[in-house]
Amino acid sequence: MNEWMNTLSQHYRRMQDRYDDRPFIILFDIDGTILDMRFMIYNVLKKFDADNGTDHFRRITVTDIDFHEEHVTGFLDRLSLSRDHQLEFLYRYESLFILLAANPFAHVPFNGVFEVIRWFQERPGTVVGLNTGRPEMLRKDTLVSLNVLGAQMGVAFPDDLLFMKPDSWQGSIASLKAEGVRHFREKGYRVCAFIDNEPENLRAVADMDGSQEILLLHADTIFKSDFRAMPDHVVRGKVYDLSTLANARHETHYFTDDDGLLKHTA
């Protein structure tokens, strides 16, 4: 059974039964949660070769990408590239990454994720928000690329439902994710669920005051933070299954422990 989508469906309906005072919002991270970053990294590698007339990555396939985008140095070591070639690539890596981040055709979404997002966007009194560590300088490019990708599935993301990092790629992302939750609360939304691939981001939201009613879901893809940071009550999964979400019966699969944390039963 696709437990995390079933649990999300049950939690959403439970919140609907409990509250009717303000609109609900389901928050998604972008990179590693909506978008499969293996394809992005693959396209960066291939573009470097194309731009520089090299063949360092000629035999690389998407399935070879098993690392976080910030851990590319270890991958270069595995390829036995010379130090000079590694430095040449690393000098261009960030600029190529930012360039391709703006290109919708450099991205591939996880199977089913836009169907799940559309399902929530079609529910009355419910919106889907984006809580990302991408910097503000990529706001326009991020909206364009996601909306191009989502258009064929009937998904659209408005500007006012995108919360971004206010400066560069550097700095603490985990604290930013908690700030994103506060941002949408202050806009009048009741945060129903937050989906992210980084354990430390989920921990930051779990540690917020009043976070007990937020269902935390871990997109179990590729992540860089320590898995031990993961809150115990997080629900994990990697398959976005609309049928499980839409067909789940209205049953309660929850209890609240002595610390006030929302738990689920298998």
Protein backbone atom coordinates (compact mmCIF):
# COMPACT_ATOMS: atom_id res chain seq x y z
CA MET A 1 0.00 0.00 0.00
CA ASN A 2 1.20 3.52 -0.79
CA GLU A 3 0.98 4.55 2.85
CA TRP A 4 2.20 8.12 2.65
CA MET A 5 -0.40 9.19 0.07
CA ASN A 6 -3.11 7.33 1.96
CA THR A 7 -2.04 9.03 5.18
CA LEU A 8 -2.05 12.43 3.47
CA SER A 9 -5.58 11.84 2.20
CA GLN A 10 -6.83 10.80 5.62
CA HIS A 11 -5.16 13.74 7.34
CA TYR A 12 -6.59 16.20 4.84
CA ARG A 13 -10.11 14.91 5.38
CA ARG A 14 -9.61 14.91 9.13
CA MET A 15 -8.57 18.57 9.00
CA GLN A 16 -11.61 19.37 6.87
CA ASP A 17 -13.85 17.81 9.49
CA ARG A 18 -12.16 19.72 12.30
CA TYR A 19 -11.75 23.21 10.78
CA ASP A 20 -13.66 25.49 8.44
CA ASP A 21 -12.29 28.86 9.56
CA ARG A 22 -9.66 29.48 6.86
CA PRO A 23 -8.33 27.91 3.64
CA PHE A 24 -5.98 24.96 3.74
CA ILE A 25 -2.57 24.89 2.12
CA ILE A 26 -0.44 21.87 1.20
CA LEU A 27 3.23 22.89 1.02
CA PHE A 28 5.71 21.27 -1.35
CA ASP A 29 9.45 21.69 -1.60
CA ILE A 30 10.62 21.83 -5.24
CA ASP A 31 14.05 20.28 -5.87
CA GLY A 32 14.12 16.61 -4.94
CA THR A 33 10.40 16.66 -4.08
CA ILE A 34 8.58 17.84 -7.22
CA LEU A 35 11.56 17.73 -9.57
CA ASP A 36 13.84 14.69 -9.95
CA MET A 37 17.22 16.39 -9.60
CA ARG A 38 19.08 13.51 -11.24
CA PHE A 39 17.94 14.82 -14.63
CA MET A 40 19.04 18.35 -13.80
CA ILE A 41 22.53 17.18 -12.80
CA TYR A 42 22.72 14.94 -15.87
CA ASN A 43 21.91 17.90 -18.12
CA VAL A 44 24.56 20.04 -16.41
CA LEU A 45 27.18 17.36 -17.06
CA LYS A 46 26.18 16.99 -20.70
CA LYS A 47 26.08 20.74 -21.30
CA PHE A 48 29.57 21.13 -19.87
CA ASP A 49 30.88 18.55 -22.32
CA ALA A 50 29.01 20.20 -25.21
CA ASP A 51 30.24 23.69 -24.33
CA ASN A 52 33.85 22.66 -23.84
CA GLY A 53 34.35 19.98 -26.47
CA THR A 54 35.14 17.36 -23.82
CA ASP A 55 33.80 13.86 -23.28
CA HIS A 56 34.24 13.51 -19.51
CA PHE A 57 30.61 12.50 -19.06
CA ARG A 58 29.93 10.77 -22.39
CA ARG A 59 29.04 7.43 -20.81
CA ILE A 60 27.07 8.82 -17.87
CA THR A 61 23.37 7.95 -17.66
CA VAL A 62 20.69 9.28 -15.32
CA THR A 63 20.87 6.10 -13.27
CA ASP A 64 24.51 6.89 -12.48
CA ILE A 65 23.39 10.04 -10.64
CA ASP A 66 23.04 8.80 -7.07
CA PHE A 67 24.29 11.88 -5.23
CA HIS A 68 22.96 15.26 -4.09
CA GLU A 69 23.75 18.19 -6.38
CA GLU A 70 26.07 19.67 -3.73
CA HIS A 71 28.10 16.45 -3.56
CA VAL A 72 29.33 16.44 -7.14
CA THR A 73 33.03 16.47 -6.12
CA GLY A 74 32.86 12.89 -4.85
CA PHE A 75 31.28 11.85 -8.13
CA LEU A 76 34.16 13.43 -10.06
CA ASP A 77 36.60 11.47 -7.92
CA ARG A 78 34.79 8.26 -8.83
CA LEU A 79 35.26 9.08 -12.51
CA SER A 80 39.02 9.39 -11.95
CA LEU A 81 39.13 12.82 -13.59
CA SER A 82 42.41 14.65 -13.21
CA ARG A 83 42.55 17.46 -10.68
CA ASP A 84 42.84 20.06 -13.44
CA HIS A 85 39.74 18.71 -15.20
CA GLN A 86 37.83 18.62 -11.93
CA LEU A 87 38.69 22.23 -11.17
CA GLU A 88 37.72 23.28 -14.69
CA PHE A 89 34.32 21.66 -14.28
CA LEU A 90 33.72 22.94 -10.73
CA TYR A 91 34.51 26.49 -11.88
CA ARG A 92 31.54 26.27 -14.28
CA TYR A 93 29.24 24.04 -12.25
CA GLU A 94 27.27 26.64 -10.27
CA SER A 95 26.73 28.95 -13.24
CA LEU A 96 25.55 26.05 -15.40
CA PHE A 97 23.28 24.88 -12.61
CA ILE A 98 21.66 28.30 -12.28
CA LEU A 99 21.35 28.60 -16.06
CA LEU A 100 19.58 25.26 -16.42
CA ALA A 101 17.42 25.84 -13.34
CA ALA A 102 15.58 28.40 -15.48
CA ASN A 103 15.03 25.94 -18.34
CA PRO A 104 11.90 23.78 -17.99
CA PHE A 105 13.28 21.32 -20.52
CA ALA A 106 16.23 20.56 -18.23
CA HIS A 107 13.84 19.25 -15.57
CA VAL A 108 11.78 16.09 -15.15
CA PRO A 109 9.09 15.90 -12.45
CA PHE A 110 8.58 12.76 -10.43
CA ASN A 111 5.88 10.52 -11.85
CA GLY A 112 2.45 11.41 -10.52
CA VAL A 113 3.45 14.51 -8.57
CA PHE A 114 1.55 16.98 -10.76
CA GLU A 115 -1.54 14.74 -10.67
CA VAL A 116 -1.44 14.86 -6.86
CA ILE A 117 -0.94 18.64 -6.87
CA ARG A 118 -3.81 19.12 -9.30
CA TRP A 119 -6.07 16.97 -7.10
CA PHE A 120 -5.50 19.32 -4.17
CA GLN A 121 -5.79 22.44 -6.33
CA GLU A 122 -9.22 21.24 -7.44
CA ARG A 123 -10.48 20.84 -3.86
CA PRO A 124 -12.61 23.75 -2.60
CA GLY A 125 -10.92 25.94 -0.01
CA THR A 126 -7.50 24.36 -0.65
CA VAL A 127 -4.35 25.61 -2.38
CA VAL A 128 -0.87 24.22 -3.00
CA GLY A 129 2.10 26.35 -1.98
CA LEU A 130 5.81 26.07 -2.73
CA ASN A 131 8.31 26.33 0.14
CA THR A 132 11.74 26.23 -1.48
CA GLY A 133 15.36 26.98 -0.70
CA ARG A 134 15.86 28.47 -4.16
CA PRO A 135 16.91 32.15 -4.01
CA GLU A 136 14.63 35.05 -4.90
CA MET A 137 16.70 35.83 -7.99
CA LEU A 138 15.20 32.69 -9.55
CA ARG A 139 11.56 33.58 -8.78
CA LYS A 140 10.48 34.37 -12.34
CA ASP A 141 12.45 31.48 -13.85
CA THR A 142 11.12 29.04 -11.25
CA LEU A 143 7.50 29.99 -11.89
CA VAL A 144 7.94 29.84 -15.66
CA SER A 145 9.64 26.44 -15.63
CA LEU A 146 7.19 24.85 -13.19
CA ASN A 147 4.18 26.26 -15.00
CA VAL A 148 5.45 25.03 -18.37
CA LEU A 149 5.95 21.56 -16.91
CA GLY A 150 2.64 21.59 -15.06
CA ALA A 151 0.50 23.03 -17.85
CA GLN A 152 -0.15 19.70 -19.59
CA MET A 153 -1.50 18.35 -16.29
CA GLY A 154 -3.66 21.41 -15.62
CA VAL A 155 -1.40 22.63 -12.82
CA ALA A 156 -0.49 26.30 -12.32
CA PHE A 157 1.52 27.98 -9.56
CA PRO A 158 0.78 31.65 -8.81
CA ASP A 159 3.47 34.03 -7.61
CA ASP A 160 1.89 34.63 -4.21
CA LEU A 161 2.08 30.93 -3.30
CA LEU A 162 5.85 30.69 -3.78
CA PHE A 163 8.13 31.29 -0.76
CA MET A 164 11.85 31.53 -1.57
CA LYS A 165 15.19 32.18 0.05
CA PRO A 166 15.72 35.95 0.14
CA ASP A 167 19.37 35.99 -0.96
CA SER A 168 21.71 33.43 -2.56
CA TRP A 169 22.00 29.64 -2.63
CA GLN A 170 24.19 29.78 0.50
CA GLY A 171 22.95 29.80 4.11
CA SER A 172 20.65 27.74 6.30
CA ILE A 173 17.78 26.19 4.39
CA ALA A 174 16.24 24.37 7.36
CA SER A 175 15.40 27.57 9.27
CA LEU A 176 14.08 29.05 6.05
CA LYS A 177 11.56 26.22 5.68
CA ALA A 178 10.13 27.02 9.11
CA GLU A 179 9.97 30.68 8.08
CA GLY A 180 8.05 29.62 4.97
CA VAL A 181 5.45 27.87 7.10
CA ARG A 182 5.08 31.00 9.23
CA HIS A 183 4.81 33.11 6.08
CA PHE A 184 1.81 31.18 4.79
CA ARG A 185 0.18 31.12 8.22
CA GLU A 186 0.45 34.89 8.36
CA LYS A 187 -1.23 35.07 4.95
CA GLY A 188 -4.25 33.36 6.51
CA TYR A 189 -3.74 29.73 5.49
CA ARG A 190 -3.98 26.69 7.72
CA VAL A 191 -0.96 24.53 6.86
CA CYS A 192 -2.25 20.99 6.48
CA ALA A 193 0.90 19.20 5.28
CA PHE A 194 4.51 19.84 4.26
CA ILE A 195 6.43 17.58 1.85
CA ASP A 196 10.23 17.82 1.60
CA ASN A 197 13.14 15.49 0.79
CA GLU A 198 15.54 16.86 3.44
CA PRO A 199 15.30 15.41 6.99
CA GLU A 200 16.68 18.61 8.57
CA ASN A 201 13.99 20.71 6.88
CA LEU A 202 11.27 18.48 8.27
CA ARG A 203 12.91 18.66 11.69
CA ALA A 204 12.89 22.47 11.59
CA VAL A 205 9.16 22.53 10.90
CA ALA A 206 8.47 19.83 13.51
CA ASP A 207 10.22 21.99 16.12
CA MET A 208 7.99 25.00 15.47
CA ASP A 209 5.32 26.01 17.94
CA GLY A 210 1.92 24.79 16.82
CA SER A 211 3.30 22.32 14.28
CA GLN A 212 1.47 19.32 15.72
CA GLU A 213 -1.39 19.51 13.23
CA ILE A 214 0.96 19.70 10.21
CA LEU A 215 1.46 16.31 8.60
CA LEU A 216 5.14 16.00 7.67
CA LEU A 217 5.99 13.81 4.68
CA HIS A 218 9.47 12.82 3.56
CA ALA A 219 10.00 12.45 -0.19
CA ASP A 220 12.50 9.61 0.09
CA THR A 221 14.63 10.53 -2.90
CA ILE A 222 18.22 11.86 -2.77
CA PHE A 223 19.02 14.12 0.16
CA LYS A 224 22.13 15.59 1.81
CA SER A 225 21.19 16.17 5.46
CA ASP A 226 21.63 13.61 8.23
CA PHE A 227 18.82 11.06 8.26
CA ARG A 228 19.03 11.04 12.06
CA ALA A 229 17.49 14.53 12.03
CA MET A 230 14.21 13.04 10.81
CA PRO A 231 11.34 13.47 13.30
CA ASP A 232 9.86 10.16 14.43
CA HIS A 233 6.36 10.99 13.23
CA VAL A 234 7.30 11.76 9.61
CA VAL A 235 5.60 9.61 6.97
CA ARG A 236 7.97 8.48 4.22
CA GLY A 237 7.38 7.57 0.59
CA LYS A 238 8.52 8.16 -2.97
CA VAL A 239 5.60 7.20 -5.24
CA TYR A 240 2.99 9.89 -5.89
CA ASP A 241 -0.09 7.75 -6.38
CA LEU A 242 -3.21 9.75 -7.21
CA SER A 243 -5.46 6.70 -7.09
CA THR A 244 -4.45 6.00 -3.50
CA LEU A 245 -5.00 9.63 -2.58
CA ALA A 246 -8.34 10.08 -4.31
CA ASN A 247 -9.85 6.73 -3.37
CA ALA A 248 -8.83 6.58 0.29
CA ARG A 249 -11.85 6.07 2.50
CA HIS A 250 -12.71 8.57 5.16
CA GLU A 251 -11.21 6.73 8.11
CA THR A 252 -9.10 7.94 11.00
CA HIS A 253 -5.57 6.54 11.18
CA TYR A 254 -4.18 8.96 13.76
CA PHE A 255 -3.57 9.44 17.41
CA THR A 256 -1.85 12.14 19.42
CA ASP A 257 0.88 11.06 21.82
CA ASP A 258 1.65 12.51 25.24
CA ASP A 259 3.81 15.23 23.67
CA GLY A 260 1.01 16.37 21.40
CA LEU A 261 2.61 14.99 18.24
CA LEU A 262 0.43 13.63 15.49
CA LYS A 263 1.09 9.93 14.90
CA HIS A 264 -0.29 7.51 12.37
CA THR A 265 -1.06 3.80 12.50
CA ALA A 266 0.02 1.46 9.72
